[in-house]
Amino acid sequence: MYYIFSQPSINTDMLIRISKALNHDFFQDLSQYMSQPPNKP
């Protein structure tokens, strides 16, 4: 598990495996995050 935290990013296959293992839809979280308006400086 700590291997994941040492990576700068993960691919979708890994995110699917993590989502299934933790029984959580991280793709839904990502979708909600991406639908938010960008922060203005």
Protein backbone atom coordinates (compact mmCIF):
# COMPACT_ATOMS: atom_id res chain seq x y z
CA MET A 1 0.00 0.00 0.00
CA TYR A 2 2.80 2.44 0.79
CA TYR A 3 4.06 1.94 -2.76
CA ILE A 4 1.05 3.93 -4.00
CA PHE A 5 1.98 6.95 -1.87
CA SER A 6 5.49 7.00 -3.30
CA GLN A 7 4.18 7.43 -6.85
CA PRO A 8 3.54 10.90 -8.32
CA SER A 9 0.45 9.51 -10.10
CA ILE A 10 -1.46 6.30 -10.69
CA ASN A 11 -3.07 4.94 -13.83
CA THR A 12 -6.75 4.12 -14.21
CA ASP A 13 -6.17 0.37 -13.85
CA MET A 14 -4.59 0.94 -10.45
CA LEU A 15 -7.41 3.29 -9.44
CA ILE A 16 -9.96 0.62 -10.38
CA ARG A 17 -8.13 -1.95 -8.23
CA ILE A 18 -7.93 0.45 -5.29
CA SER A 19 -11.61 1.39 -5.68
CA LYS A 20 -12.66 -2.25 -5.64
CA ALA A 21 -10.41 -3.11 -2.71
CA LEU A 22 -11.73 -0.21 -0.63
CA ASN A 23 -15.29 -0.44 -1.94
CA HIS A 24 -15.24 3.26 -2.86
CA ASP A 25 -15.78 4.94 -6.23
CA PHE A 26 -12.78 7.23 -6.56
CA PHE A 27 -13.81 7.96 -10.15
CA GLN A 28 -16.96 9.64 -8.80
CA ASP A 29 -14.79 11.73 -6.47
CA LEU A 30 -12.58 12.70 -9.37
CA SER A 31 -15.57 13.56 -11.54
CA GLN A 32 -16.99 15.84 -8.86
CA TYR A 33 -13.61 17.50 -8.42
CA MET A 34 -13.23 18.05 -12.16
CA SER A 35 -16.71 19.59 -12.48
CA GLN A 36 -15.90 22.36 -10.00
CA PRO A 37 -14.96 25.74 -11.48
CA PRO A 38 -11.23 26.45 -11.40
CA ASN A 39 -9.87 28.51 -8.54
CA LYS A 40 -8.84 32.00 -9.57
CA PRO A 41 -5.61 33.37 -8.08
